[in-house]
Protein backbone atom coordinates (compact mmCIF):
# COMPACT_ATOMS: atom_id res chain seq x y z
CA MET A 1 -0.09 -0.10 -0.08
CA LYS A 2 1.33 3.71 -0.83
CA THR A 3 -0.06 6.60 0.54
CA ILE A 4 -0.09 9.70 -1.30
CA ALA A 5 -0.88 13.53 0.07
CA LEU A 6 -2.21 16.13 -2.18
CA PHE A 7 -0.78 19.25 -0.32
CA ASN A 8 0.19 23.18 -0.56
CA HIS A 9 -0.81 25.17 2.52
CA LYS A 10 -2.25 27.99 0.20
CA GLY A 11 -6.19 27.43 -0.25
CA GLY A 12 -7.75 27.66 -3.50
CA VAL A 13 -5.51 25.52 -5.52
CA GLY A 14 -7.95 22.52 -6.41
CA LYS A 15 -6.68 20.08 -3.95
CA THR A 16 -10.29 18.20 -3.50
CA THR A 17 -10.85 18.28 -7.00
CA ILE A 18 -7.93 17.05 -8.12
CA THR A 19 -7.85 14.10 -5.41
CA VAL A 20 -11.56 13.14 -6.43
CA ASN A 21 -10.98 13.26 -10.01
CA VAL A 22 -7.69 11.08 -9.60
CA ALA A 23 -9.36 8.93 -7.63
CA HIS A 24 -11.82 7.79 -10.20
CA ALA A 25 -8.91 7.73 -12.79
CA LEU A 26 -7.15 5.30 -10.75
CA GLY A 27 -9.98 3.04 -10.12
CA GLN A 28 -10.65 2.90 -14.12
CA LEU A 29 -6.97 1.79 -14.17
CA GLY A 30 -7.94 -1.13 -12.23
CA ILE A 31 -6.13 0.47 -8.42
CA ALA A 32 -8.53 0.14 -5.43
CA THR A 33 -8.25 3.76 -3.90
CA LEU A 34 -9.12 4.75 -0.42
CA VAL A 35 -9.51 8.78 -0.25
CA VAL A 36 -9.29 10.10 3.12
CA ASP A 37 -10.54 13.25 3.97
CA CYS A 38 -7.80 14.55 6.52
CA ASP A 39 -9.27 18.44 6.68
CA PRO A 40 -11.71 19.65 9.45
CA GLN A 41 -13.21 21.36 7.06
CA CYS A 42 -14.61 17.76 5.26
CA ASN A 43 -14.39 19.19 1.72
CA ALA A 44 -13.84 15.67 0.56
CA THR A 45 -16.74 14.00 2.35
CA ALA A 46 -19.32 17.27 1.36
CA PHE A 47 -18.17 16.71 -1.94
CA TYR A 48 -19.05 12.45 -2.10
CA LEU A 49 -21.94 12.36 0.46
CA ARG A 50 -25.48 14.16 1.02
CA GLU A 51 -25.76 16.53 3.74
CA ASP A 52 -28.05 14.36 5.60
CA GLN A 53 -25.23 11.80 5.43
CA VAL A 54 -22.35 13.76 6.86
CA ASP A 55 -24.75 15.35 9.39
CA ALA A 56 -25.40 11.76 10.69
CA LEU A 57 -21.81 10.77 10.54
CA LEU A 58 -20.94 14.00 12.74
CA ASN A 59 -23.20 13.16 15.39
CA GLU A 60 -21.98 9.79 15.54
CA SER A 61 -18.74 10.80 16.04
CA ILE A 62 -19.46 12.18 19.34
CA ASP A 63 -19.53 8.31 20.54
CA PRO A 64 -16.23 7.36 18.91
CA GLU A 65 -17.44 3.47 19.96
CA GLU A 66 -19.92 3.42 17.00
CA GLY A 67 -18.83 6.63 14.74
CA GLY A 68 -17.72 6.26 11.25
CA THR A 69 -15.32 9.12 10.67
CA ILE A 70 -11.58 9.22 10.74
CA TRP A 71 -12.12 10.79 14.30
CA SER A 72 -14.34 7.80 15.22
CA GLY A 73 -11.31 5.25 14.41
CA ILE A 74 -8.69 7.13 16.92
CA ALA A 75 -10.90 8.58 19.66
CA LYS A 76 -10.50 5.95 21.96
CA HIS A 77 -6.77 5.97 21.62
CA VAL A 78 -6.59 9.43 22.24
CA ARG A 79 -8.36 9.32 25.29
CA ALA A 80 -5.93 6.10 26.56
CA ARG A 81 -9.25 4.20 26.29
CA GLY A 82 -7.87 1.75 23.62
CA GLU A 83 -6.10 1.40 20.15
CA VAL A 84 -7.18 3.04 16.79
CA ARG A 85 -9.40 0.84 14.87
CA ALA A 86 -10.73 0.52 11.47
CA VAL A 87 -13.54 2.61 10.24
CA GLU A 88 -16.23 1.46 7.76
CA THR A 89 -15.79 3.25 4.26
CA TRP A 90 -18.23 4.61 1.71
CA PRO A 91 -18.03 3.08 -1.68
CA VAL A 92 -18.37 6.23 -3.84
CA GLY A 93 -18.11 7.64 -7.49
CA SER A 94 -19.49 5.55 -10.44
CA PRO A 95 -18.46 2.29 -10.96
CA VAL A 96 -14.84 1.53 -12.06
CA LYS A 97 -12.60 -1.26 -12.55
CA ALA A 98 -11.30 -1.22 -9.06
CA SER A 99 -13.25 0.57 -6.01
CA VAL A 100 -13.02 3.84 -4.95
CA GLN A 101 -14.09 4.05 -0.94
CA LEU A 102 -14.04 7.52 1.24
CA LEU A 103 -13.07 7.60 4.98
CA PRO A 104 -15.12 10.32 5.94
CA GLY A 105 -13.33 13.58 7.66
CA ASP A 106 -14.54 15.25 11.04
CA VAL A 107 -14.74 18.70 12.22
CA LEU A 108 -13.07 17.12 15.51
CA LEU A 109 -9.96 16.76 13.91
CA SER A 110 -9.71 20.67 14.67
CA SER A 111 -9.57 20.03 18.31
CA PHE A 112 -6.95 17.09 17.98
CA GLU A 113 -4.49 19.83 16.50
CA ASP A 114 -3.99 20.91 19.48
CA ARG A 115 -3.15 17.29 20.94
CA LEU A 116 -0.68 17.06 18.40
CA SER A 117 0.90 19.93 19.03
CA THR A 118 1.81 19.02 22.77
CA ALA A 119 2.45 15.49 21.44
CA TRP A 120 5.16 16.92 18.88
CA LYS A 121 7.12 18.93 21.97
CA ASP A 122 6.69 15.78 24.21
CA SER A 123 8.55 13.63 21.53
CA PHE A 124 11.51 15.44 21.75
CA SER A 125 11.74 13.98 25.66
CA ARG A 126 11.19 10.27 23.82
CA ASP A 127 7.49 10.10 25.68
CA PRO A 128 6.23 7.06 24.38
CA THR A 129 2.54 7.99 24.50
CA ALA A 130 3.39 11.44 22.47
CA LEU A 131 5.30 9.52 19.84
CA ASP A 132 2.12 6.88 19.25
CA LEU A 133 -0.09 9.52 19.16
CA MET A 134 2.02 11.35 16.44
CA SER A 135 1.20 8.32 14.29
CA ALA A 136 -2.28 7.39 15.32
CA LEU A 137 -4.28 8.80 11.94
CA HIS A 138 -1.90 6.74 10.10
CA ARG A 139 -2.27 3.59 11.96
CA CYS A 140 -5.95 4.09 11.81
CA ILE A 141 -5.71 4.75 7.98
CA ALA A 142 -3.48 1.79 7.21
CA ARG A 143 -6.07 -0.46 9.09
CA THR A 144 -9.10 0.82 7.21
CA ALA A 145 -7.23 0.29 3.74
CA GLN A 146 -6.36 -3.34 4.60
CA LYS A 147 -9.49 -3.82 5.65
CA VAL A 148 -10.88 -2.55 2.19
CA GLY A 149 -8.13 -4.08 -0.13
CA ALA A 150 -6.79 -0.41 -1.13
CA GLY A 151 -3.51 -0.57 -2.54
CA LEU A 152 -3.36 3.45 -2.90
CA VAL A 153 -4.49 5.86 -0.28
CA LEU A 154 -4.98 9.54 -1.35
CA LEU A 155 -5.01 12.36 1.70
CA ASP A 156 -7.05 15.23 1.28
CA VAL A 157 -5.27 17.26 3.37
CA GLY A 158 -6.35 21.09 4.64
CA PRO A 159 -4.70 24.36 3.19
CA SER A 160 -2.46 24.56 6.64
CA VAL A 161 1.06 24.16 7.82
CA GLY A 162 -0.42 23.17 11.39
CA SER A 163 0.51 20.21 13.39
CA LEU A 164 -2.14 17.97 11.61
CA ASN A 165 -0.68 18.66 8.19
CA ARG A 166 2.60 17.60 10.09
CA ALA A 167 1.73 14.43 11.07
CA MET A 168 -0.20 13.41 8.06
CA LEU A 169 3.09 14.35 5.53
CA LEU A 170 5.38 13.03 7.88
CA GLY A 171 3.50 9.66 7.57
CA CYS A 172 3.02 9.51 3.80
CA ASP A 173 5.18 8.06 1.37
CA TYR A 174 4.75 10.76 -1.32
CA TYR A 175 3.21 13.83 -1.82
CA ILE A 176 1.86 15.63 -5.03
CA THR A 177 1.70 19.81 -4.88
CA PRO A 178 -1.31 21.55 -6.72
CA VAL A 179 -0.05 24.89 -7.72
CA ALA A 180 -2.41 27.49 -9.07
CA CYS A 181 -1.10 30.17 -11.93
CA ASP A 182 -0.85 33.04 -9.77
CA LEU A 183 1.25 35.30 -7.73
CA PHE A 184 0.41 33.78 -4.23
CA SER A 185 0.68 30.37 -5.46
CA LEU A 186 4.02 30.88 -6.65
CA ARG A 187 5.32 32.87 -3.65
CA ALA A 188 3.72 29.90 -1.35
CA LEU A 189 5.95 27.71 -2.89
CA ARG A 190 8.90 29.00 -0.53
CA ALA A 191 7.10 28.46 2.46
CA VAL A 192 6.20 24.71 1.42
CA GLY A 193 9.62 24.04 1.18
CA GLU A 194 10.81 25.54 4.01
CA THR A 195 7.79 24.21 6.40
CA LEU A 196 8.88 20.82 5.01
CA ARG A 197 12.44 20.94 5.40
CA SER A 198 11.92 21.89 8.80
CA TRP A 199 9.45 18.82 9.68
CA VAL A 200 11.60 16.15 8.56
CA GLU A 201 15.06 17.78 10.39
CA ASP A 202 13.15 17.92 13.51
CA TRP A 203 11.65 14.65 13.05
CA GLN A 204 14.79 13.13 11.89
CA THR A 205 16.06 14.26 15.37
CA ILE A 206 13.14 12.89 17.48
CA ARG A 207 13.46 9.41 15.54
CA GLY A 208 17.23 9.30 16.89
CA LEU A 209 16.28 10.53 20.31
CA ALA A 210 13.93 7.81 20.50
CA ALA A 211 15.53 4.83 18.65
CA LYS A 212 15.89 2.93 22.05
CA VAL A 213 11.80 3.30 22.39
CA THR A 214 10.16 0.23 22.48
CA ASP A 215 6.64 -0.74 21.61
CA VAL A 216 5.91 2.59 19.65
CA THR A 217 4.87 3.34 16.04
CA LEU A 218 7.35 6.03 14.75
CA LEU A 219 6.18 8.09 11.89
CA PRO A 220 8.95 7.38 8.89
CA GLY A 221 9.47 10.88 8.33
CA VAL A 222 10.73 10.66 4.62
CA PRO A 223 7.78 12.26 2.13
CA ALA A 224 9.09 12.14 -1.10
CA PHE A 225 7.90 14.99 -3.71
CA MET A 226 6.42 13.31 -6.31
CA GLY A 227 5.84 16.36 -8.75
CA TYR A 228 3.50 19.21 -8.88
CA VAL A 229 0.41 19.80 -10.94
CA THR A 230 -0.68 23.35 -12.30
CA GLN A 231 -4.24 24.31 -12.64
CA HIS A 232 -6.28 27.17 -13.75
CA PHE A 233 -9.94 26.62 -11.78
CA ASN A 234 -9.55 30.19 -10.63
CA ILE A 235 -9.96 31.97 -14.00
CA TYR A 236 -10.84 35.61 -13.59
CA ARG A 237 -12.57 37.59 -16.07
CA GLY A 238 -10.72 38.60 -19.08
CA ARG A 239 -7.56 36.69 -18.60
CA SER A 240 -5.75 35.44 -21.59
CA ALA A 241 -4.06 31.73 -21.90
CA SER A 242 -0.97 33.57 -22.66
CA ALA A 243 -1.17 34.74 -19.24
CA PHE A 244 -1.52 31.34 -17.76
CA GLU A 245 1.43 30.35 -19.76
CA GLU A 246 3.41 33.17 -18.46
CA TRP A 247 2.75 32.35 -15.11
CA GLU A 248 3.28 28.49 -16.12
CA ASN A 249 6.72 29.47 -17.08
CA LYS A 250 7.50 31.02 -13.72
CA ILE A 251 6.65 28.00 -11.82
CA ALA A 252 9.35 25.39 -12.80
CA PRO A 253 12.02 27.35 -11.61
CA ARG A 254 10.62 28.28 -8.31
CA VAL A 255 9.79 24.33 -7.39
CA ASN A 256 13.12 23.79 -8.42
CA ARG A 257 14.73 26.77 -6.15
CA ASP A 258 12.17 26.76 -3.48
CA LEU A 259 10.97 23.25 -2.87
CA VAL A 260 13.53 20.83 -4.61
CA GLY A 261 16.69 22.33 -3.57
CA PRO A 262 16.24 22.65 0.26
CA LEU A 263 15.08 18.95 0.57
CA ARG A 264 17.80 17.50 -1.58
CA ALA A 265 20.33 19.32 0.64
CA ILE A 266 19.31 17.30 3.54
CA ASP A 267 18.24 14.18 1.92
CA GLU A 268 18.32 13.19 -1.99
CA SER A 269 15.60 10.40 -1.01
CA LEU A 270 13.06 12.99 -0.44
CA VAL A 271 13.04 14.33 -4.29
CA PRO A 272 13.53 10.96 -6.15
CA ASP A 273 14.19 10.99 -9.93
CA LEU A 274 10.56 10.05 -10.98
CA GLY A 275 10.38 11.88 -14.11
CA PRO A 276 10.04 15.68 -14.76
CA LYS A 277 8.69 17.65 -12.30
CA LYS A 278 5.53 18.89 -13.57
CA MET A 279 2.99 15.60 -13.73
CA GLY A 280 0.31 17.84 -15.71
CA ALA A 281 -1.76 20.73 -16.07
CA ILE A 282 -5.42 20.90 -14.99
CA PRO A 283 -7.27 23.45 -17.07
CA ALA A 284 -10.69 25.33 -16.24
CA PHE A 285 -13.72 23.13 -16.67
CA GLY A 286 -16.42 26.20 -16.03
CA SER A 287 -19.70 24.99 -15.16
CA LEU A 288 -18.71 21.22 -15.04
CA ALA A 289 -17.23 21.77 -11.63
CA PRO A 290 -20.36 22.71 -9.84
CA LEU A 291 -22.10 19.98 -11.66
CA SER A 292 -19.46 17.41 -10.62
CA HIS A 293 -20.13 18.61 -6.69
CA GLU A 294 -23.68 18.40 -7.39
CA HIS A 295 -23.56 14.99 -8.53
CA GLY A 296 -20.80 13.90 -6.32
CA LEU A 297 -18.77 12.22 -9.34
CA ALA A 298 -15.64 12.82 -10.96
CA ILE A 299 -16.40 15.00 -14.00
CA GLY A 300 -15.30 12.23 -16.28
CA ALA A 301 -18.28 10.21 -14.74
CA LEU A 302 -20.77 12.97 -15.64
CA ARG A 303 -22.03 11.46 -19.06
CA GLY A 304 -25.60 10.43 -18.95
CA ARG A 305 -25.99 12.93 -15.95
CA VAL A 306 -25.54 16.36 -17.50
CA ASN A 307 -26.44 17.90 -21.12
CA SER A 308 -25.07 16.09 -23.91
CA GLY A 309 -23.07 19.52 -24.77
CA PHE A 310 -21.05 18.91 -22.49
CA TYR A 311 -19.51 15.84 -23.59
CA PRO A 312 -16.66 16.80 -25.58
CA LYS A 313 -15.26 18.66 -22.10
CA ILE A 314 -16.08 15.62 -19.97
CA ASP A 315 -14.15 13.53 -22.09
CA GLU A 316 -11.21 16.13 -21.98
CA ALA A 317 -11.35 15.77 -18.21
CA GLU A 318 -11.57 12.10 -18.38
CA ASP A 319 -8.19 11.51 -20.77
CA ILE A 320 -6.41 14.85 -18.18
CA PHE A 321 -7.03 13.18 -15.16
CA ARG A 322 -6.25 9.30 -16.52
CA ALA A 323 -3.12 10.39 -17.69
CA LEU A 324 -2.15 12.13 -14.47
CA ALA A 325 -3.32 8.55 -12.65
CA ALA A 326 -1.12 6.67 -15.11
CA GLN A 327 1.77 8.73 -13.79
CA ILE A 328 1.16 8.29 -10.21
CA LYS A 329 0.95 4.36 -10.59
CA ARG A 330 3.73 4.52 -12.50
CA ARG A 331 6.06 7.00 -10.04
CA ALA A 332 4.50 5.30 -7.13
CA ALA A 333 5.13 1.49 -8.46
CA LEU A 334 1.58 0.69 -8.04
């Protein structure tokens, strides 16, 4: 099983949109995929499930013995009343060759973030409870993925560099960075690189200090940069295609300078040579994006659900995301 996070601390770069569309494409390629909503805002959960279903799930999560969210899977462990457990998943999307399942998110993850912040500090003191708490979410995810036979886990994380995302990134195998074609996304790349470098270096220190601590599960702490994806979902009135090309041309050198360079300086394995750093470009799909949300389906699965005039654009989206999924499959050796 491989775990891949879609990570950029800047909001509005299309992380959830890319996640759900890539998950569908991976299913078409025969890869059983588990989408894990690690964002307290629960965007992926709200995309796939009806409002009443989400409401019922969040109400259940108050009682972790029976709840069906990612918080429910770790709540007993967080409260020192037991180990993490697998959570019941939801089959989502339209039928594909291999299943796509959802592990629902929970707003209560925001309160867990405070516990993770304390656990991070206590990990430097080799506190076994803190070290185990750092890996609780990943242990829950691994048990859930094993239960449903998922070969790939996609983590949809929120736009943050807080302790929750730190725990998620330090436990994943790879991450992909979505980048919007605008000034703020470009400037955010430096913060992404600096943050990841700091997390990895600090966790290397913690792992060294905790080398002789027994009966704990330590996060591996070596998330590998798989590549970046540019997206044009935020199209402003009157902006030309040439303007996007201008931004696209600026992104590659910034990725190398602000992300690849700092990470390679501390560990070559953090930036493996998997091919071009740019994995793809996602164009704007106009009104298909809200239609996708309305139906809880990937854009490529909207045939038969929307006006046939949209079909050429739907086919284009399907081709784009299937090509991205094929790259993920090859780069992660699935």
